[in-house]
PDB file of N, CA and C in Angstrom:
ATOM      1  N   MET A   1     -24.583   0.254  52.862  1.00  0.00           N
ATOM      2  CA  MET A   1     -24.077  -0.177  51.770  1.00  0.00           C
ATOM      3  C   MET A   1     -25.438  -0.210  50.706  1.00  0.00           C
ATOM      4  N   ALA A   2     -25.251  -0.434  49.560  1.00  0.00           N
ATOM      5  CA  ALA A   2     -26.589  -0.260  48.625  1.00  0.00           C
ATOM      6  C   ALA A   2     -25.904  -1.861  47.612  1.00  0.00           C
ATOM      7  N   ALA A   3     -26.743  -2.229  46.886  1.00  0.00           N
ATOM      8  CA  ALA A   3     -27.091  -3.094  45.794  1.00  0.00           C
ATOM      9  C   ALA A   3     -28.142  -3.140  45.093  1.00  0.00           C
ATOM     10  N   ALA A   4     -27.793  -3.486  43.723  1.00  0.00           N
ATOM     11  CA  ALA A   4     -28.851  -4.221  42.755  1.00  0.00           C
ATOM     12  C   ALA A   4     -29.078  -5.447  42.418  1.00  0.00           C
ATOM     13  N   PHE A   5     -30.058  -5.815  42.241  1.00  0.00           N
ATOM     14  CA  PHE A   5     -30.128  -7.276  41.896  1.00  0.00           C
ATOM     15  C   PHE A   5     -31.234  -7.586  40.441  1.00  0.00           C
ATOM     16  N   ASP A   6     -31.058  -8.582  39.910  1.00  0.00           N
ATOM     17  CA  ASP A   6     -31.573  -8.702  38.797  1.00  0.00           C
ATOM     18  C   ASP A   6     -32.549  -9.661  38.923  1.00  0.00           C
ATOM     19  N   LEU A   7     -34.153  -9.494  39.890  1.00  0.00           N
ATOM     20  CA  LEU A   7     -35.148 -10.264  40.319  1.00  0.00           C
ATOM     21  C   LEU A   7     -35.111 -11.267  39.008  1.00  0.00           C
ATOM     22  N   THR A   8     -35.619 -11.219  38.218  1.00  0.00           N
ATOM     23  CA  THR A   8     -36.047 -11.998  36.482  1.00  0.00           C
ATOM     24  C   THR A   8     -34.367 -12.934  36.457  1.00  0.00           C
ATOM     25  N   SER A   9     -33.427 -12.633  36.785  1.00  0.00           N
ATOM     26  CA  SER A   9     -32.285 -13.980  36.578  1.00  0.00           C
ATOM     27  C   SER A   9     -32.187 -14.344  38.223  1.00  0.00           C
ATOM     28  N   ILE A  10     -32.571 -13.933  38.746  1.00  0.00           N
ATOM     29  CA  ILE A  10     -32.680 -14.430  40.613  1.00  0.00           C
ATOM     30  C   ILE A  10     -33.770 -15.719  40.065  1.00  0.00           C
ATOM     31  N   ARG A  11     -34.907 -15.316  39.303  1.00  0.00           N
ATOM     32  CA  ARG A  11     -35.738 -16.611  39.417  1.00  0.00           C
ATOM     33  C   ARG A  11     -35.506 -17.463  38.309  1.00  0.00           C
ATOM     34  N   ARG A  12     -35.136 -17.295  37.332  1.00  0.00           N
ATOM     35  CA  ARG A  12     -34.487 -18.353  36.223  1.00  0.00           C
ATOM     36  C   ARG A  12     -33.353 -19.175  36.906  1.00  0.00           C
ATOM     37  N   GLY A  13     -33.010 -18.740  38.216  1.00  0.00           N
ATOM     38  CA  GLY A  13     -31.447 -19.472  38.703  1.00  0.00           C
ATOM     39  C   GLY A  13     -30.711 -19.404  37.844  1.00  0.00           C
ATOM     40  N   GLU A  14     -30.662 -18.160  36.998  1.00  0.00           N
ATOM     41  CA  GLU A  14     -29.166 -17.387  36.713  1.00  0.00           C
ATOM     42  C   GLU A  14     -28.459 -16.600  37.619  1.00  0.00           C
ATOM     43  N   MET A  15     -29.107 -16.424  38.490  1.00  0.00           N
ATOM     44  CA  MET A  15     -28.142 -15.448  39.798  1.00  0.00           C
ATOM     45  C   MET A  15     -28.659 -16.196  41.025  1.00  0.00           C
ATOM     46  N   LYS A  16     -27.582 -16.459  42.330  1.00  0.00           N
ATOM     47  CA  LYS A  16     -28.134 -16.807  43.325  1.00  0.00           C
ATOM     48  C   LYS A  16     -28.969 -15.887  44.220  1.00  0.00           C
ATOM     49  N   ASP A  17     -29.925 -16.368  45.068  1.00  0.00           N
ATOM     50  CA  ASP A  17     -30.599 -15.258  45.806  1.00  0.00           C
ATOM     51  C   ASP A  17     -29.133 -14.416  46.760  1.00  0.00           C
ATOM     52  N   PRO A  18     -29.950 -13.108  46.764  1.00  0.00           N
ATOM     53  CA  PRO A  18     -29.065 -12.388  47.491  1.00  0.00           C
ATOM     54  C   PRO A  18     -28.845 -12.536  48.937  1.00  0.00           C
ATOM     55  N   GLU A  19     -28.273 -12.901  50.352  1.00  0.00           N
ATOM     56  CA  GLU A  19     -28.428 -12.494  51.184  1.00  0.00           C
ATOM     57  C   GLU A  19     -28.991 -11.801  52.232  1.00  0.00           C
ATOM     58  N   VAL A  20     -29.866 -11.873  52.784  1.00  0.00           N
ATOM     59  CA  VAL A  20     -30.688 -10.463  53.715  1.00  0.00           C
ATOM     60  C   VAL A  20     -30.588 -11.149  54.763  1.00  0.00           C
ATOM     61  N   PHE A  21     -30.182  -9.813  55.862  1.00  0.00           N
ATOM     62  CA  PHE A  21     -30.070  -9.773  57.485  1.00  0.00           C
ATOM     63  C   PHE A  21     -30.957  -9.430  57.890  1.00  0.00           C
ATOM     64  N   PRO A  22     -31.101  -9.695  59.034  1.00  0.00           N
ATOM     65  CA  PRO A  22     -32.353  -8.549  59.869  1.00  0.00           C
ATOM     66  C   PRO A  22     -31.300  -7.260  60.302  1.00  0.00           C
ATOM     67  N   GLY A  23     -32.389  -6.574  59.617  1.00  0.00           N
ATOM     68  CA  GLY A  23     -32.335  -5.160  59.921  1.00  0.00           C
ATOM     69  C   GLY A  23     -31.831  -4.005  58.341  1.00  0.00           C
ATOM     70  N   ASP A  24     -31.888  -5.278  57.220  1.00  0.00           N
ATOM     71  CA  ASP A  24     -31.699  -4.903  56.005  1.00  0.00           C
ATOM     72  C   ASP A  24     -33.284  -4.386  55.568  1.00  0.00           C
ATOM     73  N   THR A  25     -32.891  -3.252  54.426  1.00  0.00           N
ATOM     74  CA  THR A  25     -34.284  -2.744  54.231  1.00  0.00           C
ATOM     75  C   THR A  25     -34.225  -3.294  52.548  1.00  0.00           C
ATOM     76  N   VAL A  26     -35.362  -3.999  52.322  1.00  0.00           N
ATOM     77  CA  VAL A  26     -35.066  -4.131  50.501  1.00  0.00           C
ATOM     78  C   VAL A  26     -36.054  -3.115  49.346  1.00  0.00           C
ATOM     79  N   VAL A  27     -35.963  -2.570  48.789  1.00  0.00           N
ATOM     80  CA  VAL A  27     -36.402  -1.671  48.032  1.00  0.00           C
ATOM     81  C   VAL A  27     -36.999  -2.147  46.965  1.00  0.00           C
ATOM     82  N   VAL A  28     -38.146  -2.452  46.313  1.00  0.00           N
ATOM     83  CA  VAL A  28     -38.456  -3.060  45.120  1.00  0.00           C
ATOM     84  C   VAL A  28     -39.031  -2.548  44.067  1.00  0.00           C
ATOM     85  N   ASP A  29     -38.093  -2.128  43.114  1.00  0.00           N
ATOM     86  CA  ASP A  29     -38.480  -1.123  41.785  1.00  0.00           C
ATOM     87  C   ASP A  29     -39.668  -1.507  40.795  1.00  0.00           C
ATOM     88  N   GLY A  30     -40.650  -1.343  41.340  1.00  0.00           N
ATOM     89  CA  GLY A  30     -41.900  -2.014  40.139  1.00  0.00           C
ATOM     90  C   GLY A  30     -42.080  -1.475  38.909  1.00  0.00           C
ATOM     91  N   SER A  31     -42.194  -2.252  38.269  1.00  0.00           N
ATOM     92  CA  SER A  31     -42.574  -1.921  36.533  1.00  0.00           C
ATOM     93  C   SER A  31     -43.305  -0.937  36.676  1.00  0.00           C
ATOM     94  N   GLY A  32     -43.515  -0.225  35.633  1.00  0.00           N
ATOM     95  CA  GLY A  32     -44.406   0.518  35.450  1.00  0.00           C
ATOM     96  C   GLY A  32     -45.196   0.207  34.396  1.00  0.00           C
ATOM     97  N   ASN A  33     -45.331  -1.154  33.441  1.00  0.00           N
ATOM     98  CA  ASN A  33     -46.305  -1.386  33.155  1.00  0.00           C
ATOM     99  C   ASN A  33     -47.418  -2.105  33.827  1.00  0.00           C
ATOM    100  N   LYS A  34     -46.936  -2.692  35.328  1.00  0.00           N
ATOM    101  CA  LYS A  34     -47.557  -3.829  35.749  1.00  0.00           C
ATOM    102  C   LYS A  34     -48.493  -2.727  36.726  1.00  0.00           C
ATOM    103  N   LYS A  35     -47.657  -1.461  36.810  1.00  0.00           N
ATOM    104  CA  LYS A  35     -48.577  -0.253  37.748  1.00  0.00           C
ATOM    105  C   LYS A  35     -49.593   0.148  37.139  1.00  0.00           C
ATOM    106  N   THR A  36     -49.844   0.367  35.920  1.00  0.00           N
ATOM    107  CA  THR A  36     -50.723   0.738  35.236  1.00  0.00           C
ATOM    108  C   THR A  36     -51.856  -0.236  35.054  1.00  0.00           C
ATOM    109  N   GLN A  37     -51.359  -1.550  34.523  1.00  0.00           N
ATOM    110  CA  GLN A  37     -52.272  -2.645  34.721  1.00  0.00           C
ATOM    111  C   GLN A  37     -52.733  -2.764  36.329  1.00  0.00           C
ATOM    112  N   ARG A  38     -52.611  -2.618  37.308  1.00  0.00           N
ATOM    113  CA  ARG A  38     -53.094  -2.440  38.778  1.00  0.00           C
ATOM    114  C   ARG A  38     -54.095  -1.583  38.894  1.00  0.00           C
ATOM    115  N   ASP A  39     -53.414  -0.238  38.369  1.00  0.00           N
ATOM    116  CA  ASP A  39     -54.409   0.480  38.292  1.00  0.00           C
ATOM    117  C   ASP A  39     -55.424   0.558  37.427  1.00  0.00           C
ATOM    118  N   LEU A  40     -55.495   0.162  36.739  1.00  0.00           N
ATOM    119  CA  LEU A  40     -56.932  -0.072  35.505  1.00  0.00           C
ATOM    120  C   LEU A  40     -57.884  -1.212  36.336  1.00  0.00           C
ATOM    121  N   MET A  41     -56.810  -2.290  36.502  1.00  0.00           N
ATOM    122  CA  MET A  41     -57.846  -3.292  37.455  1.00  0.00           C
ATOM    123  C   MET A  41     -58.333  -2.414  38.444  1.00  0.00           C
ATOM    124  N   GLN A  42     -58.401  -2.123  39.216  1.00  0.00           N
ATOM    125  CA  GLN A  42     -59.394  -1.116  40.630  1.00  0.00           C
ATOM    126  C   GLN A  42     -59.676  -0.069  40.081  1.00  0.00           C
ATOM    127  N   SER A  43     -59.647   0.406  39.180  1.00  0.00           N
ATOM    128  CA  SER A  43     -60.407   1.383  38.814  1.00  0.00           C
ATOM    129  C   SER A  43     -61.916   0.696  37.776  1.00  0.00           C
ATOM    130  N   LEU A  44     -61.679  -0.668  36.896  1.00  0.00           N
ATOM    131  CA  LEU A  44     -62.832  -1.281  36.475  1.00  0.00           C
ATOM    132  C   LEU A  44     -63.946  -0.901  37.168  1.00  0.00           C
ATOM    133  N   PRO A  45     -63.780  -1.797  38.709  1.00  0.00           N
ATOM    134  CA  PRO A  45     -65.368  -1.869  39.583  1.00  0.00           C
ATOM    135  C   PRO A  45     -65.991  -0.038  39.441  1.00  0.00           C
ATOM    136  N   LEU A  46     -65.124   0.857  39.366  1.00  0.00           N
ATOM    137  CA  LEU A  46     -65.423   1.865  39.782  1.00  0.00           C
ATOM    138  C   LEU A  46     -66.448   2.344  38.207  1.00  0.00           C
ATOM    139  N   ALA A  47     -65.696   2.067  37.087  1.00  0.00           N
ATOM    140  CA  ALA A  47     -66.457   2.022  35.829  1.00  0.00           C
ATOM    141  C   ALA A  47     -67.537   1.558  35.420  1.00  0.00           C
ATOM    142  N   SER A  48     -67.593   0.133  36.227  1.00  0.00           N
ATOM    143  CA  SER A  48     -69.181  -0.390  36.079  1.00  0.00           C
ATOM    144  C   SER A  48     -70.304   0.297  36.340  1.00  0.00           C
ATOM    145  N   ILE A  49     -70.087   1.151  37.526  1.00  0.00           N
ATOM    146  CA  ILE A  49     -71.231   1.910  38.100  1.00  0.00           C
ATOM    147  C   ILE A  49     -71.919   2.746  37.042  1.00  0.00           C
ATOM    148  N   PHE A  50     -71.141   3.386  36.350  1.00  0.00           N
ATOM    149  CA  PHE A  50     -71.200   4.188  34.812  1.00  0.00           C
ATOM    150  C   PHE A  50     -71.709   3.759  34.142  1.00  0.00           C
ATOM    151  N   LEU A  51     -71.768   2.537  33.608  1.00  0.00           N
ATOM    152  CA  LEU A  51     -72.262   1.585  32.175  1.00  0.00           C
ATOM    153  C   LEU A  51     -73.866   1.337  33.021  1.00  0.00           C
ATOM    154  N   ALA A  52     -74.075   0.667  34.318  1.00  0.00           N
ATOM    155  CA  ALA A  52     -75.062   0.891  34.653  1.00  0.00           C
ATOM    156  C   ALA A  52     -76.352   1.477  34.499  1.00  0.00           C
ATOM    157  N   LEU A  53     -75.661   2.781  34.438  1.00  0.00           N
ATOM    158  CA  LEU A  53     -76.831   3.965  34.746  1.00  0.00           C
ATOM    159  C   LEU A  53     -77.721   4.105  33.158  1.00  0.00           C
TER     160      LEU A  53
END
């Protein structure tokens, strides 16, 4: 069985937390914007090497 939940609604208290049982698999579909931001932040230390030259 599979189900989808709106994390924003759960955080706002608009929906109750889903029950999670031992053996359940939880998959979180991340935001594309957040992934891009994380990738950018991870690459910044590498970029600073080139600025120091």
